Structure formats: C-alpha cells, structure tokens
Amino acid sequence: MAGADNKTQPTAISPAAFIASLDDPRRKADAGVLLSWFEDVTGLEARMWGPSIIGFGRYRYKYATGREGEFLMTGFSPRKAAMSIYILPGYREMGDKLARLGKHKTGASCLYVKSLADIDLAVLREMVEDGLAYMRRTYETWDT
C-alpha cells in the first residue's frame, strides 16, 4: 500500500460494550437503537473502527496519489456534541432525502444529529441503502 496506513482501523472491541460504557444516557440510548437499526438495515455485523466508530461492511479505496486502504461502508459514532452518522460516499444527489430527514447538519460524509427523535428513520434508511448500493457498485466491498 502506498502512503501511510489509515489511522482508523477495525478493532476487537465489542460495539455493545462500547455503547454500554457511554456516560451520556441519551447518547447511550440512541446508540443502542442505531446499533440494532444499522444491523437490520444493512444485514451486516457491527464492528468497532478505532476507539469510537461503529461500522458496517468495508471497502477498498485508492486515491490518485496512490494512497489506498480500507474503511467502513457505513456506520455511526456517538460523539459528545452530536451523533455522527457516516454515509459514504457522501450526499451526492441526496438533496431531496436531506430535505425530508429532519433536524440535522452535514459534513463531507457525516450527518450530525442531536437526537434520533429529531429525524425520520425511514428517510435515513433510504439514505443508508442508497449509500451502500453506490459503494457496492463502485468499490471492492466486503460484508465483514
């Protein structure tokens, strides 16, 4: 592999144990809901990536610079400020879904949600399924 390894790597930590260790009761409850929800939506097993990201599936990327590696296809992280939900490869052509989602902010490949009560999980499902389909069409992917 050219370049440095991706800093965020899969770990052996249990996602359920990580969620149980969270201090914030609301973030812990929302993370528990999302763990089951992502497993249902993706049909994939949860795996910790780094110390705080719960990911589902993985894909291989290679940049024009020659850097390559593997990363999760979708997932979430219960951060202090907001729940970060990762939908790769980002929000290309998802304007209509974002408009229907509810209260959120976006980053390059992240949705930031204060509470799951603020969003429509049916719309989030459409977004995750769309992202997974794109990733499977575009990249080499694995379900582990």
N, C-alpha and C. Protein backbone atom coordinates (compact mmCIF):
# COMPACT_ATOMS: atom_id res chain seq x y z
N MET A 1 0.85 -1.18 0.00
CA MET A 1 0.00 0.00 0.00
C MET A 1 0.89 1.23 0.00
N ALA A 2 0.59 2.17 -0.84
CA ALA A 2 1.35 3.41 -0.91
C ALA A 2 0.91 4.35 0.20
N GLY A 3 1.83 5.11 0.76
CA GLY A 3 1.48 6.09 1.77
C GLY A 3 1.25 5.47 3.13
N ALA A 4 0.83 6.31 4.07
CA ALA A 4 0.60 5.87 5.44
C ALA A 4 -0.70 5.09 5.55
N ASP A 5 -0.73 4.18 6.52
CA ASP A 5 -1.95 3.42 6.77
C ASP A 5 -3.04 4.35 7.30
N ASN A 6 -4.28 3.98 7.04
CA ASN A 6 -5.42 4.69 7.58
C ASN A 6 -5.33 4.61 9.10
N LYS A 7 -5.47 5.72 9.79
CA LYS A 7 -5.39 5.73 11.25
C LYS A 7 -6.57 5.00 11.90
N THR A 8 -7.71 4.98 11.24
CA THR A 8 -8.90 4.34 11.79
C THR A 8 -8.98 2.92 11.27
N GLN A 9 -8.67 1.96 12.13
CA GLN A 9 -8.63 0.55 11.78
C GLN A 9 -9.66 -0.22 12.59
N PRO A 10 -10.12 -1.38 12.09
CA PRO A 10 -11.02 -2.22 12.88
C PRO A 10 -10.32 -2.68 14.16
N THR A 11 -11.10 -2.83 15.22
CA THR A 11 -10.57 -3.31 16.50
C THR A 11 -11.38 -4.51 16.97
N ALA A 12 -10.94 -5.13 18.04
CA ALA A 12 -11.63 -6.29 18.61
C ALA A 12 -12.64 -5.90 19.70
N ILE A 13 -12.79 -4.61 19.96
CA ILE A 13 -13.72 -4.15 20.99
C ILE A 13 -15.16 -4.44 20.54
N SER A 14 -15.99 -4.87 21.45
CA SER A 14 -17.40 -5.13 21.17
C SER A 14 -18.16 -3.81 21.05
N PRO A 15 -18.92 -3.61 19.95
CA PRO A 15 -19.73 -2.40 19.85
C PRO A 15 -20.72 -2.26 21.02
N ALA A 16 -21.31 -3.36 21.45
CA ALA A 16 -22.27 -3.29 22.57
C ALA A 16 -21.56 -2.85 23.86
N ALA A 17 -20.35 -3.36 24.09
CA ALA A 17 -19.59 -2.96 25.28
C ALA A 17 -19.21 -1.48 25.20
N PHE A 18 -18.83 -1.02 24.02
CA PHE A 18 -18.51 0.39 23.84
C PHE A 18 -19.73 1.25 24.17
N ILE A 19 -20.88 0.88 23.64
CA ILE A 19 -22.11 1.65 23.91
C ILE A 19 -22.43 1.63 25.40
N ALA A 20 -22.29 0.48 26.05
CA ALA A 20 -22.56 0.38 27.49
C ALA A 20 -21.65 1.28 28.31
N SER A 21 -20.47 1.60 27.78
CA SER A 21 -19.52 2.43 28.52
C SER A 21 -19.80 3.93 28.38
N LEU A 22 -20.73 4.32 27.53
CA LEU A 22 -21.01 5.74 27.33
C LEU A 22 -21.62 6.36 28.58
N ASP A 23 -21.23 7.60 28.87
CA ASP A 23 -21.73 8.30 30.05
C ASP A 23 -23.08 8.97 29.85
N ASP A 24 -23.27 9.58 28.70
CA ASP A 24 -24.49 10.35 28.42
C ASP A 24 -25.66 9.39 28.18
N PRO A 25 -26.69 9.44 29.04
CA PRO A 25 -27.81 8.49 28.91
C PRO A 25 -28.55 8.58 27.56
N ARG A 26 -28.73 9.80 27.06
CA ARG A 26 -29.44 9.96 25.78
C ARG A 26 -28.59 9.42 24.64
N ARG A 27 -27.29 9.73 24.65
CA ARG A 27 -26.41 9.26 23.59
C ARG A 27 -26.32 7.73 23.65
N LYS A 28 -26.27 7.16 24.87
CA LYS A 28 -26.21 5.71 25.02
C LYS A 28 -27.49 5.06 24.48
N ALA A 29 -28.65 5.64 24.78
CA ALA A 29 -29.92 5.09 24.30
C ALA A 29 -30.00 5.17 22.78
N ASP A 30 -29.66 6.33 22.21
CA ASP A 30 -29.70 6.49 20.76
C ASP A 30 -28.71 5.54 20.07
N ALA A 31 -27.53 5.37 20.67
CA ALA A 31 -26.53 4.46 20.09
C ALA A 31 -27.03 3.02 20.11
N GLY A 32 -27.71 2.62 21.17
CA GLY A 32 -28.28 1.28 21.24
C GLY A 32 -29.33 1.06 20.16
N VAL A 33 -30.15 2.07 19.94
CA VAL A 33 -31.16 2.00 18.88
C VAL A 33 -30.46 1.89 17.52
N LEU A 34 -29.46 2.73 17.28
CA LEU A 34 -28.78 2.71 15.99
C LEU A 34 -28.02 1.41 15.74
N LEU A 35 -27.46 0.81 16.78
CA LEU A 35 -26.76 -0.46 16.61
C LEU A 35 -27.70 -1.50 16.01
N SER A 36 -28.86 -1.68 16.61
CA SER A 36 -29.84 -2.64 16.09
C SER A 36 -30.38 -2.21 14.74
N TRP A 37 -30.63 -0.91 14.61
CA TRP A 37 -31.20 -0.36 13.38
C TRP A 37 -30.24 -0.60 12.21
N PHE A 38 -28.96 -0.28 12.36
CA PHE A 38 -28.00 -0.49 11.28
C PHE A 38 -27.85 -1.97 10.94
N GLU A 39 -27.85 -2.83 11.94
CA GLU A 39 -27.77 -4.27 11.66
C GLU A 39 -28.97 -4.71 10.82
N ASP A 40 -30.15 -4.20 11.16
CA ASP A 40 -31.36 -4.55 10.40
C ASP A 40 -31.30 -3.99 8.97
N VAL A 41 -30.95 -2.73 8.84
CA VAL A 41 -30.94 -2.07 7.53
C VAL A 41 -29.87 -2.65 6.61
N THR A 42 -28.68 -2.89 7.15
CA THR A 42 -27.57 -3.33 6.31
C THR A 42 -27.46 -4.84 6.18
N GLY A 43 -27.96 -5.57 7.17
CA GLY A 43 -27.77 -7.02 7.21
C GLY A 43 -26.33 -7.39 7.53
N LEU A 44 -25.56 -6.43 8.04
CA LEU A 44 -24.14 -6.62 8.32
C LEU A 44 -23.88 -6.59 9.82
N GLU A 45 -22.80 -7.24 10.22
CA GLU A 45 -22.40 -7.27 11.62
C GLU A 45 -21.65 -5.98 11.95
N ALA A 46 -21.93 -5.46 13.14
CA ALA A 46 -21.25 -4.25 13.61
C ALA A 46 -19.81 -4.58 14.02
N ARG A 47 -18.94 -3.61 13.77
CA ARG A 47 -17.54 -3.76 14.16
C ARG A 47 -17.01 -2.39 14.56
N MET A 48 -16.22 -2.34 15.61
CA MET A 48 -15.60 -1.08 16.03
C MET A 48 -14.46 -0.74 15.07
N TRP A 49 -14.40 0.53 14.72
CA TRP A 49 -13.31 1.09 13.91
C TRP A 49 -12.71 2.19 14.77
N GLY A 50 -11.47 1.98 15.17
CA GLY A 50 -10.85 2.93 16.09
C GLY A 50 -11.58 2.87 17.42
N PRO A 51 -11.37 3.88 18.26
CA PRO A 51 -11.95 3.82 19.60
C PRO A 51 -13.43 4.19 19.70
N SER A 52 -14.01 4.79 18.63
CA SER A 52 -15.37 5.30 18.83
C SER A 52 -16.31 5.22 17.64
N ILE A 53 -15.93 4.57 16.56
CA ILE A 53 -16.82 4.45 15.39
C ILE A 53 -17.32 3.02 15.28
N ILE A 54 -18.62 2.88 15.12
CA ILE A 54 -19.24 1.56 14.90
C ILE A 54 -19.55 1.48 13.42
N GLY A 55 -18.89 0.55 12.74
CA GLY A 55 -19.01 0.46 11.30
C GLY A 55 -19.64 -0.84 10.83
N PHE A 56 -20.12 -0.80 9.61
CA PHE A 56 -20.79 -1.95 8.98
C PHE A 56 -20.22 -2.11 7.58
N GLY A 57 -19.71 -3.30 7.29
CA GLY A 57 -19.08 -3.56 6.00
C GLY A 57 -17.78 -2.80 5.87
N ARG A 58 -17.08 -3.04 4.77
CA ARG A 58 -15.86 -2.31 4.49
C ARG A 58 -15.62 -2.27 2.99
N TYR A 59 -14.83 -1.32 2.57
CA TYR A 59 -14.50 -1.20 1.14
C TYR A 59 -13.03 -0.81 0.99
N ARG A 60 -12.51 -1.07 -0.18
CA ARG A 60 -11.12 -0.71 -0.51
C ARG A 60 -11.16 0.53 -1.39
N TYR A 61 -10.36 1.52 -1.00
CA TYR A 61 -10.24 2.75 -1.79
C TYR A 61 -8.81 2.91 -2.27
N LYS A 62 -8.66 3.67 -3.35
CA LYS A 62 -7.34 4.03 -3.86
C LYS A 62 -7.45 5.43 -4.46
N TYR A 63 -6.64 6.34 -3.92
CA TYR A 63 -6.64 7.71 -4.39
C TYR A 63 -5.69 7.87 -5.58
N ALA A 64 -5.83 8.94 -6.31
CA ALA A 64 -4.96 9.23 -7.45
C ALA A 64 -3.50 9.37 -6.99
N THR A 65 -3.30 9.73 -5.74
CA THR A 65 -1.95 9.88 -5.18
C THR A 65 -1.26 8.53 -4.98
N GLY A 66 -2.05 7.45 -5.08
CA GLY A 66 -1.50 6.12 -4.84
C GLY A 66 -1.84 5.58 -3.46
N ARG A 67 -2.28 6.46 -2.56
CA ARG A 67 -2.67 6.00 -1.23
C ARG A 67 -3.89 5.11 -1.36
N GLU A 68 -3.87 3.99 -0.64
CA GLU A 68 -5.01 3.08 -0.66
C GLU A 68 -5.21 2.50 0.73
N GLY A 69 -6.37 1.94 0.94
CA GLY A 69 -6.68 1.35 2.23
C GLY A 69 -8.09 0.83 2.26
N GLU A 70 -8.55 0.52 3.45
CA GLU A 70 -9.90 0.03 3.66
C GLU A 70 -10.59 0.89 4.72
N PHE A 71 -11.91 1.00 4.58
CA PHE A 71 -12.68 1.76 5.55
C PHE A 71 -14.09 1.20 5.60
N LEU A 72 -14.85 1.59 6.59
CA LEU A 72 -16.23 1.12 6.74
C LEU A 72 -17.12 1.68 5.64
N MET A 73 -18.15 0.92 5.27
CA MET A 73 -19.08 1.39 4.24
C MET A 73 -20.12 2.34 4.82
N THR A 74 -20.52 2.11 6.06
CA THR A 74 -21.49 2.98 6.73
C THR A 74 -21.36 2.74 8.22
N GLY A 75 -21.90 3.63 9.01
CA GLY A 75 -21.83 3.45 10.45
C GLY A 75 -22.15 4.73 11.20
N PHE A 76 -21.76 4.74 12.48
CA PHE A 76 -22.05 5.90 13.31
C PHE A 76 -21.09 5.98 14.48
N SER A 77 -21.07 7.15 15.11
CA SER A 77 -20.26 7.37 16.29
C SER A 77 -21.01 8.28 17.24
N PRO A 78 -21.22 7.82 18.47
CA PRO A 78 -21.91 8.66 19.46
C PRO A 78 -20.96 9.68 20.07
N ARG A 79 -20.80 10.81 19.41
CA ARG A 79 -19.91 11.87 19.88
C ARG A 79 -20.62 12.72 20.94
N LYS A 80 -19.86 13.49 21.70
CA LYS A 80 -20.45 14.32 22.76
C LYS A 80 -21.43 15.35 22.22
N ALA A 81 -21.04 16.04 21.17
CA ALA A 81 -21.87 17.13 20.64
C ALA A 81 -23.07 16.63 19.86
N ALA A 82 -22.91 15.52 19.15
CA ALA A 82 -23.99 15.00 18.30
C ALA A 82 -23.64 13.58 17.87
N MET A 83 -24.64 12.86 17.43
CA MET A 83 -24.43 11.55 16.84
C MET A 83 -23.92 11.78 15.42
N SER A 84 -22.78 11.21 15.10
CA SER A 84 -22.24 11.29 13.75
C SER A 84 -22.65 10.03 13.00
N ILE A 85 -23.33 10.20 11.89
CA ILE A 85 -23.77 9.07 11.08
C ILE A 85 -23.02 9.16 9.75
N TYR A 86 -22.31 8.08 9.42
CA TYR A 86 -21.45 8.07 8.23
C TYR A 86 -22.16 7.37 7.08
N ILE A 87 -22.41 8.14 6.03
CA ILE A 87 -22.99 7.60 4.81
C ILE A 87 -22.00 7.90 3.70
N LEU A 88 -21.36 6.86 3.22
CA LEU A 88 -20.35 7.02 2.19
C LEU A 88 -20.99 6.74 0.83
N PRO A 89 -20.66 7.48 -0.16
CA PRO A 89 -19.55 8.40 -0.31
C PRO A 89 -19.90 9.85 -0.04
N GLY A 90 -20.92 10.11 0.72
CA GLY A 90 -21.34 11.48 0.99
C GLY A 90 -22.76 11.69 0.47
N TYR A 91 -23.11 12.91 0.23
CA TYR A 91 -24.50 13.24 -0.04
C TYR A 91 -24.77 13.67 -1.46
N ARG A 92 -24.05 13.02 -2.41
CA ARG A 92 -24.30 13.30 -3.81
C ARG A 92 -25.76 12.98 -4.12
N GLU A 93 -26.40 13.89 -4.73
CA GLU A 93 -27.78 13.70 -5.20
C GLU A 93 -28.74 13.23 -4.11
N MET A 94 -28.54 13.67 -2.87
CA MET A 94 -29.44 13.29 -1.78
C MET A 94 -30.20 14.49 -1.22
N GLY A 95 -30.23 15.58 -1.98
CA GLY A 95 -30.89 16.79 -1.51
C GLY A 95 -32.34 16.58 -1.11
N ASP A 96 -33.08 15.79 -1.89
CA ASP A 96 -34.49 15.54 -1.57
C ASP A 96 -34.62 14.76 -0.27
N LYS A 97 -33.75 13.79 -0.05
CA LYS A 97 -33.79 13.00 1.18
C LYS A 97 -33.39 13.85 2.38
N LEU A 98 -32.35 14.66 2.23
CA LEU A 98 -31.93 15.54 3.32
C LEU A 98 -33.04 16.50 3.71
N ALA A 99 -33.79 16.97 2.71
CA ALA A 99 -34.90 17.89 2.99
C ALA A 99 -36.01 17.22 3.78
N ARG A 100 -36.15 15.90 3.63
CA ARG A 100 -37.20 15.16 4.34
C ARG A 100 -36.72 14.54 5.66
N LEU A 101 -35.42 14.57 5.91
CA LEU A 101 -34.84 13.85 7.05
C LEU A 101 -35.24 14.41 8.40
N GLY A 102 -35.26 15.71 8.54
CA GLY A 102 -35.49 16.33 9.84
C GLY A 102 -34.28 17.14 10.24
N LYS A 103 -34.20 17.47 11.52
CA LYS A 103 -33.16 18.37 12.02
C LYS A 103 -31.79 17.69 12.03
N HIS A 104 -30.85 18.25 11.26
CA HIS A 104 -29.50 17.68 11.13
C HIS A 104 -28.56 18.74 10.57
N LYS A 105 -27.26 18.43 10.63
CA LYS A 105 -26.23 19.18 9.94
C LYS A 105 -25.42 18.16 9.14
N THR A 106 -24.71 18.63 8.13
CA THR A 106 -23.90 17.71 7.33
C THR A 106 -22.45 18.15 7.28
N GLY A 107 -21.59 17.14 7.09
CA GLY A 107 -20.18 17.33 6.78
C GLY A 107 -19.94 16.59 5.47
N ALA A 108 -18.71 16.32 5.13
CA ALA A 108 -18.39 15.66 3.86
C ALA A 108 -19.10 14.31 3.72
N SER A 109 -18.98 13.45 4.71
CA SER A 109 -19.65 12.14 4.68
C SER A 109 -20.39 11.88 5.98
N CYS A 110 -20.64 12.93 6.75
CA CYS A 110 -21.28 12.77 8.06
C CYS A 110 -22.59 13.54 8.14
N LEU A 111 -23.52 12.91 8.83
CA LEU A 111 -24.71 13.61 9.30
C LEU A 111 -24.50 13.82 10.78
N TYR A 112 -24.82 14.99 11.27
CA TYR A 112 -24.74 15.26 12.70
C TYR A 112 -26.16 15.43 13.20
N VAL A 113 -26.54 14.59 14.17
CA VAL A 113 -27.90 14.57 14.69
C VAL A 113 -27.82 14.67 16.21
N LYS A 114 -28.52 15.62 16.78
CA LYS A 114 -28.53 15.77 18.24
C LYS A 114 -29.29 14.64 18.92
N SER A 115 -30.42 14.25 18.32
CA SER A 115 -31.26 13.20 18.89
C SER A 115 -31.96 12.46 17.76
N LEU A 116 -32.11 11.15 17.91
CA LEU A 116 -32.84 10.38 16.88
C LEU A 116 -34.29 10.83 16.78
N ALA A 117 -34.82 11.40 17.85
CA ALA A 117 -36.20 11.90 17.82
C ALA A 117 -36.36 13.06 16.83
N ASP A 118 -35.25 13.68 16.45
CA ASP A 118 -35.28 14.82 15.52
C ASP A 118 -35.35 14.42 14.05
N ILE A 119 -35.15 13.14 13.75
CA ILE A 119 -35.08 12.73 12.34
C ILE A 119 -36.07 11.60 12.04
N ASP A 120 -36.32 11.42 10.76
CA ASP A 120 -37.20 10.36 10.27
C ASP A 120 -36.32 9.16 9.89
N LEU A 121 -36.40 8.09 10.68
CA LEU A 121 -35.55 6.92 10.44
C LEU A 121 -35.87 6.22 9.12
N ALA A 122 -37.09 6.38 8.61
CA ALA A 122 -37.41 5.80 7.30
C ALA A 122 -36.61 6.51 6.19
N VAL A 123 -36.45 7.81 6.32
CA VAL A 123 -35.66 8.56 5.34
C VAL A 123 -34.18 8.22 5.50
N LEU A 124 -33.72 8.11 6.75
CA LEU A 124 -32.33 7.71 6.98
C LEU A 124 -32.07 6.34 6.36
N ARG A 125 -33.04 5.45 6.46
CA ARG A 125 -32.90 4.11 5.85
C ARG A 125 -32.68 4.23 4.34
N GLU A 126 -33.48 5.07 3.68
CA GLU A 126 -33.31 5.29 2.24
C GLU A 126 -31.89 5.76 1.94
N MET A 127 -31.37 6.65 2.76
CA MET A 127 -30.04 7.21 2.54
C MET A 127 -28.96 6.15 2.72
N VAL A 128 -29.06 5.36 3.78
CA VAL A 128 -28.06 4.32 4.04
C VAL A 128 -28.11 3.26 2.93
N GLU A 129 -29.31 2.84 2.55
CA GLU A 129 -29.43 1.85 1.48
C GLU A 129 -28.87 2.38 0.17
N ASP A 130 -29.13 3.65 -0.13
CA ASP A 130 -28.59 4.27 -1.35
C ASP A 130 -27.07 4.31 -1.30
N GLY A 131 -26.53 4.71 -0.15
CA GLY A 131 -25.08 4.77 0.00
C GLY A 131 -24.43 3.40 -0.15
N LEU A 132 -25.02 2.37 0.47
CA LEU A 132 -24.47 1.01 0.35
C LEU A 132 -24.51 0.52 -1.10
N ALA A 133 -25.61 0.78 -1.77
CA ALA A 133 -25.73 0.35 -3.17
C ALA A 133 -24.65 1.03 -4.02
N TYR A 134 -24.44 2.32 -3.80
CA TYR A 134 -23.40 3.05 -4.54
C TYR A 134 -22.03 2.45 -4.25
N MET A 135 -21.74 2.20 -2.99
CA MET A 135 -20.43 1.67 -2.61
C MET A 135 -20.20 0.30 -3.25
N ARG A 136 -21.21 -0.54 -3.27
CA ARG A 136 -21.07 -1.88 -3.85
C ARG A 136 -20.89 -1.83 -5.36
N ARG A 137 -21.50 -0.84 -6.01
CA ARG A 137 -21.34 -0.70 -7.46
C ARG A 137 -19.98 -0.13 -7.82
N THR A 138 -19.41 0.68 -6.95
CA THR A 138 -18.25 1.49 -7.27
C THR A 138 -16.93 0.94 -6.75
N TYR A 139 -16.96 0.23 -5.64
CA TYR A 139 -15.73 -0.21 -4.98
C TYR A 139 -15.75 -1.72 -4.73
N GLU A 140 -14.59 -2.24 -4.44
CA GLU A 140 -14.48 -3.61 -3.94
C GLU A 140 -14.93 -3.56 -2.49
N THR A 141 -15.95 -4.36 -2.14
CA THR A 141 -16.52 -4.31 -0.79
C THR A 141 -16.54 -5.69 -0.15
N TRP A 142 -16.61 -5.68 1.18
CA TRP A 142 -16.76 -6.91 1.96
C TRP A 142 -17.83 -6.68 3.00
N ASP A 143 -18.46 -7.76 3.42
CA ASP A 143 -19.51 -7.66 4.43
C ASP A 143 -18.98 -7.90 5.83
N THR A 144 -17.67 -7.89 5.99
CA THR A 144 -17.10 -8.07 7.34
C THR A 144 -16.28 -6.88 7.74
